[in-house]
């Protein structure tokens, strides 16, 4: 599948989603600065059958287009030190997956996150 086709598919699916902030802290201490990027995302809970491995009850699944981060010049890759803010609540990124949602040629189309908090 071409990157443009894949982006179109994800854009339609995510279009019904919500705005989530991807947050990165820099520096140290209690008043360390942060950088927030709003992205349009689809946030879902995991089904009972998905509660295996590192997925525990209460975790959520967040999918958003990579181009939203790239347009804001957010330095990649996403790491477990970054956060996702959903409905005002800061959640830990447990598993940032940038491999599952790639198009032909390995072009990154969307991120798939497991978040907790």
C-alpha atoms as a PDB file:
ATOM      1  CA  UNK A   1       0.000   0.000   0.000  1.00  0.00           C
ATOM      2  CA  UNK A   2       1.351   3.441  -0.863  1.00  0.00           C
ATOM      3  CA  UNK A   3       2.016   5.925   1.943  1.00  0.00           C
ATOM      4  CA  UNK A   4      -0.671   8.325   0.631  1.00  0.00           C
ATOM      5  CA  UNK A   5      -3.288   5.561   0.513  1.00  0.00           C
ATOM      6  CA  UNK A   6      -2.382   4.411   4.028  1.00  0.00           C
ATOM      7  CA  UNK A   7      -2.523   7.978   5.393  1.00  0.00           C
ATOM      8  CA  UNK A   8      -5.976   8.421   3.850  1.00  0.00           C
ATOM      9  CA  UNK A   9      -7.254   5.255   5.513  1.00  0.00           C
ATOM     10  CA  UNK A  10      -5.889   6.247   8.935  1.00  0.00           C
ATOM     11  CA  UNK A  11      -7.107   9.835   8.541  1.00  0.00           C
ATOM     12  CA  UNK A  12     -10.676   8.569   8.013  1.00  0.00           C
ATOM     13  CA  UNK A  13     -10.477   6.221  11.011  1.00  0.00           C
ATOM     14  CA  UNK A  14      -8.852   8.771  13.292  1.00  0.00           C
ATOM     15  CA  UNK A  15     -11.085  11.625  12.119  1.00  0.00           C
ATOM     16  CA  UNK A  16     -13.737  10.453  14.546  1.00  0.00           C
ATOM     17  CA  UNK A  17     -11.200  10.468  17.376  1.00  0.00           C
ATOM     18  CA  UNK A  18     -10.107  13.107  19.847  1.00  0.00           C
ATOM     19  CA  UNK A  19      -7.237  15.519  20.388  1.00  0.00           C
ATOM     20  CA  UNK A  20      -4.397  14.057  22.454  1.00  0.00           C
ATOM     21  CA  UNK A  21      -1.199  15.788  23.503  1.00  0.00           C
ATOM     22  CA  UNK A  22       2.140  14.053  23.016  1.00  0.00           C
ATOM     23  CA  UNK A  23       4.389  15.486  25.708  1.00  0.00           C
ATOM     24  CA  UNK A  24       8.150  15.535  26.078  1.00  0.00           C
ATOM     25  CA  UNK A  25       9.912  16.898  29.142  1.00  0.00           C
ATOM     26  CA  UNK A  26      13.400  18.333  28.875  1.00  0.00           C
ATOM     27  CA  UNK A  27      15.955  19.087  31.560  1.00  0.00           C
ATOM     28  CA  UNK A  28      15.544  18.052  35.176  1.00  0.00           C
ATOM     29  CA  UNK A  29      13.886  19.116  38.390  1.00  0.00           C
ATOM     30  CA  UNK A  30      10.301  19.819  39.323  1.00  0.00           C
ATOM     31  CA  UNK A  31       9.897  22.822  37.046  1.00  0.00           C
ATOM     32  CA  UNK A  32      11.441  21.261  33.956  1.00  0.00           C
ATOM     33  CA  UNK A  33      10.133  22.565  30.645  1.00  0.00           C
ATOM     34  CA  UNK A  34       7.844  20.500  28.453  1.00  0.00           C
ATOM     35  CA  UNK A  35       6.960  20.439  24.795  1.00  0.00           C
ATOM     36  CA  UNK A  36       3.381  19.474  23.867  1.00  0.00           C
ATOM     37  CA  UNK A  37       2.147  18.591  20.404  1.00  0.00           C
ATOM     38  CA  UNK A  38      -1.596  18.165  19.798  1.00  0.00           C
ATOM     39  CA  UNK A  39      -2.445  15.209  17.553  1.00  0.00           C
ATOM     40  CA  UNK A  40      -5.757  13.810  16.370  1.00  0.00           C
ATOM     41  CA  UNK A  41      -5.932  10.276  17.749  1.00  0.00           C
ATOM     42  CA  UNK A  42      -8.147   7.304  18.217  1.00  0.00           C
ATOM     43  CA  UNK A  43      -8.109   6.153  21.848  1.00  0.00           C
ATOM     44  CA  UNK A  44      -9.478   2.712  22.688  1.00  0.00           C
ATOM     45  CA  UNK A  45      -9.447   0.340  25.613  1.00  0.00           C
ATOM     46  CA  UNK A  46      -8.087  -3.164  25.229  1.00  0.00           C
ATOM     47  CA  UNK A  47     -10.492  -6.085  25.103  1.00  0.00           C
ATOM     48  CA  UNK A  48     -10.254  -8.857  27.683  1.00  0.00           C
ATOM     49  CA  UNK A  49      -8.693 -11.178  25.123  1.00  0.00           C
ATOM     50  CA  UNK A  50      -5.877  -8.625  24.613  1.00  0.00           C
ATOM     51  CA  UNK A  51      -4.799  -8.677  28.283  1.00  0.00           C
ATOM     52  CA  UNK A  52      -1.633 -10.696  27.727  1.00  0.00           C
ATOM     53  CA  UNK A  53       2.064  -9.931  28.020  1.00  0.00           C
ATOM     54  CA  UNK A  54       2.621  -6.344  29.155  1.00  0.00           C
ATOM     55  CA  UNK A  55      -0.989  -5.259  28.535  1.00  0.00           C
ATOM     56  CA  UNK A  56      -2.905  -4.922  31.802  1.00  0.00           C
ATOM     57  CA  UNK A  57      -6.454  -3.931  32.641  1.00  0.00           C
ATOM     58  CA  UNK A  58      -6.864  -0.156  32.332  1.00  0.00           C
ATOM     59  CA  UNK A  59      -4.254   0.280  29.592  1.00  0.00           C
ATOM     60  CA  UNK A  60      -5.356   2.123  26.475  1.00  0.00           C
ATOM     61  CA  UNK A  61      -4.433   1.908  22.825  1.00  0.00           C
ATOM     62  CA  UNK A  62      -3.692   5.213  21.023  1.00  0.00           C
ATOM     63  CA  UNK A  63      -3.252   5.508  17.238  1.00  0.00           C
ATOM     64  CA  UNK A  64      -2.306   8.767  15.488  1.00  0.00           C
ATOM     65  CA  UNK A  65      -0.696   9.915  12.241  1.00  0.00           C
ATOM     66  CA  UNK A  66       3.069  10.378  12.332  1.00  0.00           C
ATOM     67  CA  UNK A  67       2.787  13.456  10.105  1.00  0.00           C
ATOM     68  CA  UNK A  68       1.197  15.367  13.014  1.00  0.00           C
ATOM     69  CA  UNK A  69       4.397  14.995  15.055  1.00  0.00           C
ATOM     70  CA  UNK A  70       6.669  15.586  12.104  1.00  0.00           C
ATOM     71  CA  UNK A  71       4.832  18.801  11.159  1.00  0.00           C
ATOM     72  CA  UNK A  72       5.456  20.127  14.697  1.00  0.00           C
ATOM     73  CA  UNK A  73       9.158  19.186  14.402  1.00  0.00           C
ATOM     74  CA  UNK A  74       8.897  16.745  17.310  1.00  0.00           C
ATOM     75  CA  UNK A  75      12.174  14.811  17.471  1.00  0.00           C
ATOM     76  CA  UNK A  76      11.706  11.113  16.830  1.00  0.00           C
ATOM     77  CA  UNK A  77      11.729   8.426  18.026  1.00  0.00           C
ATOM     78  CA  UNK A  78       9.001   8.418  20.645  1.00  0.00           C
ATOM     79  CA  UNK A  79      10.240   6.770  23.826  1.00  0.00           C
ATOM     80  CA  UNK A  80       8.844   5.499  27.096  1.00  0.00           C
ATOM     81  CA  UNK A  81      10.044   8.786  28.658  1.00  0.00           C
ATOM     82  CA  UNK A  82       7.438  10.673  26.591  1.00  0.00           C
ATOM     83  CA  UNK A  83       3.829  10.999  27.754  1.00  0.00           C
ATOM     84  CA  UNK A  84       0.368  11.073  26.206  1.00  0.00           C
ATOM     85  CA  UNK A  85      -2.234  13.428  27.673  1.00  0.00           C
ATOM     86  CA  UNK A  86      -5.754  12.083  27.166  1.00  0.00           C
ATOM     87  CA  UNK A  87      -8.708  14.145  28.405  1.00  0.00           C
ATOM     88  CA  UNK A  88      -6.349  16.159  30.621  1.00  0.00           C
ATOM     89  CA  UNK A  89      -4.737  13.125  32.251  1.00  0.00           C
ATOM     90  CA  UNK A  90      -1.027  12.476  31.693  1.00  0.00           C
ATOM     91  CA  UNK A  91      -0.418   8.832  30.811  1.00  0.00           C
ATOM     92  CA  UNK A  92       2.846   6.904  30.585  1.00  0.00           C
ATOM     93  CA  UNK A  93       3.772   5.518  27.191  1.00  0.00           C
ATOM     94  CA  UNK A  94       4.486   1.851  27.873  1.00  0.00           C
ATOM     95  CA  UNK A  95       5.100   0.669  24.316  1.00  0.00           C
ATOM     96  CA  UNK A  96       5.631   3.163  21.459  1.00  0.00           C
ATOM     97  CA  UNK A  97       5.296   1.165  18.237  1.00  0.00           C
ATOM     98  CA  UNK A  98       6.514   2.790  15.042  1.00  0.00           C
ATOM     99  CA  UNK A  99       6.881  -0.454  13.080  1.00  0.00           C
ATOM    100  CA  UNK A 100       3.351  -1.875  12.796  1.00  0.00           C
ATOM    101  CA  UNK A 101       1.773   0.934  10.778  1.00  0.00           C
ATOM    102  CA  UNK A 102       4.210   1.448   7.916  1.00  0.00           C
ATOM    103  CA  UNK A 103       3.427   1.602   4.204  1.00  0.00           C
ATOM    104  CA  UNK A 104       5.374   0.379   1.177  1.00  0.00           C
ATOM    105  CA  UNK A 105       9.053   1.182   1.401  1.00  0.00           C
ATOM    106  CA  UNK A 106       8.911   1.246   5.204  1.00  0.00           C
ATOM    107  CA  UNK A 107       7.423   4.754   5.302  1.00  0.00           C
ATOM    108  CA  UNK A 108       6.101   5.541   8.793  1.00  0.00           C
ATOM    109  CA  UNK A 109       2.385   6.370   8.563  1.00  0.00           C
ATOM    110  CA  UNK A 110       1.050   6.120  12.115  1.00  0.00           C
ATOM    111  CA  UNK A 111       2.119   5.465  15.678  1.00  0.00           C
ATOM    112  CA  UNK A 112       0.521   2.776  17.781  1.00  0.00           C
ATOM    113  CA  UNK A 113       0.925   3.375  21.530  1.00  0.00           C
ATOM    114  CA  UNK A 114       0.121   1.374  24.631  1.00  0.00           C
ATOM    115  CA  UNK A 115      -0.461   3.905  27.420  1.00  0.00           C
ATOM    116  CA  UNK A 116      -1.098   3.521  31.142  1.00  0.00           C
ATOM    117  CA  UNK A 117      -2.119   5.748  34.003  1.00  0.00           C
END
